[in-house]
Amino acid sequence: MVYKKRFKSSTTTSTEEVKTLTGSKLRSYAYALLAKREYSKADLTNKLLRFACDENEVLELIEQLIDMNYQSDERFAKQILRSQMTQGQGPARIKLKLKQKSVNVDFIQEELEENDWLIQAYQLKVRKFGTDIEHDQKKKAKQIRFLQYRGYSLDIIFKVIAAESEEVLYE
């Protein structure tokens, strides 16, 4: 579907992409992309603009795809939320990822508030460092940095590193 023009210079081989997709070919390419995985509106627009001749045609196509519910930023945001939570990421890290993808965080705000980040952070800490409470400041700092990098707030982190078990978290 992507047309490439290859030419050889005296020392290197390079590839130049030719913008040739219009009409039904552009639509077919968009369908093929969306069949593989979810894209945010911004990502899909950028991807299609690389191969399209006319920017207005791409913008109209994107609006049609949204109207037909083939592309949805809300669905994309929920997919990112599930994916990041599975990887042990916290709320701040998930919001950052959505911001990088130009997606509104409001789509998943309710899910972010409903999730029990305390238990998720505790399980992540146990998986990485075990259930022991650290008294050594260097090891404690390492746990704090690890959980901060993953996107958890300091309030949650201090509760988690001081807890002996999940039951103690809410006392």
C-alpha atoms as a PDB file:
ATOM      1  CA  MET A   1       0.000   0.000   0.000  1.00  0.00           C
ATOM      2  CA  VAL A   2       2.912   2.352   0.687  1.00  0.00           C
ATOM      3  CA  TYR A   3       4.742   3.294  -2.442  1.00  0.00           C
ATOM      4  CA  LYS A   4       8.444   3.861  -2.202  1.00  0.00           C
ATOM      5  CA  LYS A   5      10.857   5.155  -4.762  1.00  0.00           C
ATOM      6  CA  ARG A   6      14.300   3.653  -4.433  1.00  0.00           C
ATOM      7  CA  PHE A   7      17.403   5.111  -5.947  1.00  0.00           C
ATOM      8  CA  LYS A   8      21.063   4.428  -5.502  1.00  0.00           C
ATOM      9  CA  SER A   9      23.653   7.108  -5.078  1.00  0.00           C
ATOM     10  CA  SER A  10      27.353   6.524  -5.371  1.00  0.00           C
ATOM     11  CA  THR A  11      27.873   5.664  -1.681  1.00  0.00           C
ATOM     12  CA  THR A  12      24.540   4.924   0.018  1.00  0.00           C
ATOM     13  CA  THR A  13      21.067   3.623  -0.669  1.00  0.00           C
ATOM     14  CA  SER A  14      18.218   5.792   0.541  1.00  0.00           C
ATOM     15  CA  THR A  15      14.436   5.556   0.421  1.00  0.00           C
ATOM     16  CA  GLU A  16      12.171   8.451  -0.462  1.00  0.00           C
ATOM     17  CA  GLU A  17       8.485   8.141   0.390  1.00  0.00           C
ATOM     18  CA  VAL A  18       6.171   9.315  -2.343  1.00  0.00           C
ATOM     19  CA  LYS A  19       2.865  10.926  -1.302  1.00  0.00           C
ATOM     20  CA  THR A  20       0.431   9.161  -3.592  1.00  0.00           C
ATOM     21  CA  LEU A  21      -2.559   8.049  -1.522  1.00  0.00           C
ATOM     22  CA  THR A  22      -5.872   9.694  -2.342  1.00  0.00           C
ATOM     23  CA  GLY A  23      -9.547   8.783  -2.235  1.00  0.00           C
ATOM     24  CA  SER A  24     -10.333   5.131  -1.741  1.00  0.00           C
ATOM     25  CA  LYS A  25      -6.664   4.139  -1.346  1.00  0.00           C
ATOM     26  CA  LEU A  26      -6.278   6.581   1.530  1.00  0.00           C
ATOM     27  CA  ARG A  27      -9.504   5.286   3.097  1.00  0.00           C
ATOM     28  CA  SER A  28      -8.313   1.675   2.705  1.00  0.00           C
ATOM     29  CA  TYR A  29      -5.009   2.551   4.329  1.00  0.00           C
ATOM     30  CA  ALA A  30      -6.843   4.157   7.274  1.00  0.00           C
ATOM     31  CA  TYR A  31      -9.049   1.063   7.662  1.00  0.00           C
ATOM     32  CA  ALA A  32      -5.968  -1.170   7.581  1.00  0.00           C
ATOM     33  CA  LEU A  33      -4.285   0.890  10.297  1.00  0.00           C
ATOM     34  CA  LEU A  34      -7.362   0.856  12.532  1.00  0.00           C
ATOM     35  CA  ALA A  35      -7.880  -2.871  11.993  1.00  0.00           C
ATOM     36  CA  LYS A  36      -4.485  -3.559  13.573  1.00  0.00           C
ATOM     37  CA  ARG A  37      -4.832  -1.394  16.693  1.00  0.00           C
ATOM     38  CA  GLU A  38      -6.423   1.719  18.179  1.00  0.00           C
ATOM     39  CA  TYR A  39      -4.980   5.122  17.272  1.00  0.00           C
ATOM     40  CA  SER A  40      -5.591   8.522  18.791  1.00  0.00           C
ATOM     41  CA  LYS A  41      -7.006  11.131  16.441  1.00  0.00           C
ATOM     42  CA  ALA A  42      -3.673  12.982  16.413  1.00  0.00           C
ATOM     43  CA  ASP A  43      -1.605   9.831  15.736  1.00  0.00           C
ATOM     44  CA  LEU A  44      -3.884   8.687  12.925  1.00  0.00           C
ATOM     45  CA  THR A  45      -3.887  12.139  11.352  1.00  0.00           C
ATOM     46  CA  ASN A  46      -0.088  12.340  11.422  1.00  0.00           C
ATOM     47  CA  LYS A  47       0.259   8.847   9.990  1.00  0.00           C
ATOM     48  CA  LEU A  48      -2.152   9.531   7.130  1.00  0.00           C
ATOM     49  CA  LEU A  49      -0.624  12.934   6.358  1.00  0.00           C
ATOM     50  CA  ARG A  50       2.705  11.252   5.615  1.00  0.00           C
ATOM     51  CA  PHE A  51       1.177   9.501   2.607  1.00  0.00           C
ATOM     52  CA  ALA A  52      -1.666  11.781   1.514  1.00  0.00           C
ATOM     53  CA  CYS A  53      -1.550  14.448  -1.155  1.00  0.00           C
ATOM     54  CA  ASP A  54      -4.232  16.670   0.364  1.00  0.00           C
ATOM     55  CA  GLU A  55      -4.436  17.630   4.046  1.00  0.00           C
ATOM     56  CA  ASN A  56      -8.133  18.566   3.821  1.00  0.00           C
ATOM     57  CA  GLU A  57      -8.953  15.110   2.474  1.00  0.00           C
ATOM     58  CA  VAL A  58      -7.234  13.531   5.486  1.00  0.00           C
ATOM     59  CA  LEU A  59      -9.107  15.753   7.946  1.00  0.00           C
ATOM     60  CA  GLU A  60     -12.447  14.926   6.293  1.00  0.00           C
ATOM     61  CA  LEU A  61     -11.612  11.211   6.370  1.00  0.00           C
ATOM     62  CA  ILE A  62     -10.720  11.392  10.073  1.00  0.00           C
ATOM     63  CA  GLU A  63     -14.059  13.074  10.850  1.00  0.00           C
ATOM     64  CA  GLN A  64     -15.905  10.373   8.886  1.00  0.00           C
ATOM     65  CA  LEU A  65     -14.042   7.642  10.784  1.00  0.00           C
ATOM     66  CA  ILE A  66     -15.015   9.286  14.079  1.00  0.00           C
ATOM     67  CA  ASP A  67     -18.666   9.585  12.985  1.00  0.00           C
ATOM     68  CA  MET A  68     -18.712   5.880  12.038  1.00  0.00           C
ATOM     69  CA  ASN A  69     -17.064   5.089  15.414  1.00  0.00           C
ATOM     70  CA  TYR A  70     -14.038   3.448  13.758  1.00  0.00           C
ATOM     71  CA  GLN A  71     -11.781   5.870  15.614  1.00  0.00           C
ATOM     72  CA  SER A  72     -12.462   6.958  19.170  1.00  0.00           C
ATOM     73  CA  ASP A  73     -10.156   8.866  21.492  1.00  0.00           C
ATOM     74  CA  GLU A  74     -12.200   7.606  24.446  1.00  0.00           C
ATOM     75  CA  ARG A  75     -11.673   3.969  23.425  1.00  0.00           C
ATOM     76  CA  PHE A  76      -7.983   4.689  22.839  1.00  0.00           C
ATOM     77  CA  ALA A  77      -7.667   6.302  26.291  1.00  0.00           C
ATOM     78  CA  LYS A  78      -9.293   3.308  27.989  1.00  0.00           C
ATOM     79  CA  GLN A  79      -6.957   0.956  26.139  1.00  0.00           C
ATOM     80  CA  ILE A  80      -3.928   2.978  27.283  1.00  0.00           C
ATOM     81  CA  LEU A  81      -5.283   2.937  30.854  1.00  0.00           C
ATOM     82  CA  ARG A  82      -5.644  -0.868  30.861  1.00  0.00           C
ATOM     83  CA  SER A  83      -2.240  -1.354  29.259  1.00  0.00           C
ATOM     84  CA  GLN A  84      -0.414   0.973  31.636  1.00  0.00           C
ATOM     85  CA  MET A  85      -2.151  -0.433  34.720  1.00  0.00           C
ATOM     86  CA  THR A  86      -1.124  -3.945  33.676  1.00  0.00           C
ATOM     87  CA  GLN A  87       2.471  -2.721  33.537  1.00  0.00           C
ATOM     88  CA  GLY A  88       2.180  -1.290  37.063  1.00  0.00           C
ATOM     89  CA  GLN A  89       2.078   2.384  36.096  1.00  0.00           C
ATOM     90  CA  GLY A  90       0.485   4.905  38.429  1.00  0.00           C
ATOM     91  CA  PRO A  91      -2.018   7.668  37.683  1.00  0.00           C
ATOM     92  CA  ALA A  92       0.540  10.409  36.993  1.00  0.00           C
ATOM     93  CA  ARG A  93       2.400   8.237  34.480  1.00  0.00           C
ATOM     94  CA  ILE A  94      -0.845   7.275  32.714  1.00  0.00           C
ATOM     95  CA  LYS A  95      -1.913  10.925  32.445  1.00  0.00           C
ATOM     96  CA  LEU A  96       1.494  11.807  30.996  1.00  0.00           C
ATOM     97  CA  LYS A  97       1.209   9.052  28.389  1.00  0.00           C
ATOM     98  CA  LEU A  98      -2.208  10.322  27.301  1.00  0.00           C
ATOM     99  CA  LYS A  99      -0.921  13.886  27.132  1.00  0.00           C
ATOM    100  CA  GLN A 100       1.950  12.723  24.907  1.00  0.00           C
ATOM    101  CA  LYS A 101      -0.599  11.096  22.603  1.00  0.00           C
ATOM    102  CA  SER A 102      -2.707  14.310  22.533  1.00  0.00           C
ATOM    103  CA  VAL A 103      -5.690  12.646  24.207  1.00  0.00           C
ATOM    104  CA  ASN A 104      -7.938  14.335  26.769  1.00  0.00           C
ATOM    105  CA  VAL A 105      -7.557  12.786  30.247  1.00  0.00           C
ATOM    106  CA  ASP A 106     -11.228  13.512  31.005  1.00  0.00           C
ATOM    107  CA  PHE A 107     -12.175  10.353  29.078  1.00  0.00           C
ATOM    108  CA  ILE A 108     -10.745   8.164  31.851  1.00  0.00           C
ATOM    109  CA  GLN A 109     -10.986  10.475  34.863  1.00  0.00           C
ATOM    110  CA  GLU A 110     -13.720   8.364  36.445  1.00  0.00           C
ATOM    111  CA  GLU A 111     -11.691   5.153  36.069  1.00  0.00           C
ATOM    112  CA  LEU A 112      -8.611   6.872  37.501  1.00  0.00           C
ATOM    113  CA  GLU A 113     -10.579   7.912  40.583  1.00  0.00           C
ATOM    114  CA  GLU A 114     -12.241   4.502  41.051  1.00  0.00           C
ATOM    115  CA  ASN A 115      -9.039   2.478  40.905  1.00  0.00           C
ATOM    116  CA  ASP A 116      -7.375   1.497  44.178  1.00  0.00           C
ATOM    117  CA  TRP A 117      -3.872   2.849  43.557  1.00  0.00           C
ATOM    118  CA  LEU A 118      -2.776   1.996  47.092  1.00  0.00           C
ATOM    119  CA  ILE A 119      -3.153  -1.746  46.572  1.00  0.00           C
ATOM    120  CA  GLN A 120      -1.645  -1.599  43.090  1.00  0.00           C
ATOM    121  CA  ALA A 121       1.403   0.299  44.404  1.00  0.00           C
ATOM    122  CA  TYR A 122       1.764  -2.150  47.301  1.00  0.00           C
ATOM    123  CA  GLN A 123       1.648  -5.150  44.958  1.00  0.00           C
ATOM    124  CA  LEU A 124       4.253  -3.519  42.726  1.00  0.00           C
ATOM    125  CA  LYS A 125       6.505  -2.814  45.723  1.00  0.00           C
ATOM    126  CA  VAL A 126       6.162  -6.421  46.940  1.00  0.00           C
ATOM    127  CA  ARG A 127       6.916  -7.791  43.485  1.00  0.00           C
ATOM    128  CA  LYS A 128      10.083  -5.693  43.198  1.00  0.00           C
ATOM    129  CA  PHE A 129      11.360  -5.453  46.799  1.00  0.00           C
ATOM    130  CA  GLY A 130       9.472  -8.019  48.892  1.00  0.00           C
ATOM    131  CA  THR A 131       7.275  -7.547  51.962  1.00  0.00           C
ATOM    132  CA  ASP A 132       9.997  -6.439  54.385  1.00  0.00           C
ATOM    133  CA  ILE A 133       9.899  -2.879  55.692  1.00  0.00           C
ATOM    134  CA  GLU A 134      13.224  -1.199  54.945  1.00  0.00           C
ATOM    135  CA  HIS A 135      15.005   0.712  57.696  1.00  0.00           C
ATOM    136  CA  ASP A 136      18.111   1.496  55.651  1.00  0.00           C
ATOM    137  CA  GLN A 137      17.696   4.998  54.188  1.00  0.00           C
ATOM    138  CA  LYS A 138      19.409   4.164  50.877  1.00  0.00           C
ATOM    139  CA  LYS A 139      17.153   1.180  50.244  1.00  0.00           C
ATOM    140  CA  LYS A 140      14.092   3.154  51.304  1.00  0.00           C
ATOM    141  CA  ALA A 141      15.074   5.972  48.918  1.00  0.00           C
ATOM    142  CA  LYS A 142      15.451   3.416  46.128  1.00  0.00           C
ATOM    143  CA  GLN A 143      11.889   2.194  46.726  1.00  0.00           C
ATOM    144  CA  ILE A 144      10.583   5.764  46.771  1.00  0.00           C
ATOM    145  CA  ARG A 145      12.346   6.629  43.494  1.00  0.00           C
ATOM    146  CA  PHE A 146      11.051   3.444  41.870  1.00  0.00           C
ATOM    147  CA  LEU A 147       7.429   4.141  42.796  1.00  0.00           C
ATOM    148  CA  GLN A 148       7.711   7.846  41.912  1.00  0.00           C
ATOM    149  CA  TYR A 149       9.040   6.950  38.468  1.00  0.00           C
ATOM    150  CA  ARG A 150       6.063   4.641  38.025  1.00  0.00           C
ATOM    151  CA  GLY A 151       3.706   7.581  38.632  1.00  0.00           C
ATOM    152  CA  TYR A 152       2.497   7.184  42.210  1.00  0.00           C
ATOM    153  CA  SER A 153       2.006  10.118  44.592  1.00  0.00           C
ATOM    154  CA  LEU A 154       4.212  10.528  47.666  1.00  0.00           C
ATOM    155  CA  ASP A 155       1.201  10.048  49.931  1.00  0.00           C
ATOM    156  CA  ILE A 156       0.617   6.578  48.490  1.00  0.00           C
ATOM    157  CA  ILE A 157       4.344   5.761  48.404  1.00  0.00           C
ATOM    158  CA  PHE A 158       4.925   6.503  52.098  1.00  0.00           C
ATOM    159  CA  LYS A 159       1.924   4.382  53.097  1.00  0.00           C
ATOM    160  CA  VAL A 160       3.116   1.520  50.897  1.00  0.00           C
ATOM    161  CA  ILE A 161       6.735   1.389  52.062  1.00  0.00           C
ATOM    162  CA  ALA A 162       5.624   1.479  55.716  1.00  0.00           C
ATOM    163  CA  ALA A 163       2.999  -1.282  55.345  1.00  0.00           C
ATOM    164  CA  GLU A 164       3.639  -4.876  56.381  1.00  0.00           C
ATOM    165  CA  SER A 165       0.655  -6.244  54.462  1.00  0.00           C
ATOM    166  CA  GLU A 166      -2.284  -5.130  52.315  1.00  0.00           C
ATOM    167  CA  GLU A 167      -4.589  -5.191  55.346  1.00  0.00           C
ATOM    168  CA  VAL A 168      -2.460  -2.599  57.174  1.00  0.00           C
ATOM    169  CA  LEU A 169      -2.755  -0.099  54.291  1.00  0.00           C
ATOM    170  CA  TYR A 170      -6.173   1.194  55.344  1.00  0.00           C
ATOM    171  CA  GLU A 171      -5.650   1.423  59.097  1.00  0.00           C
END
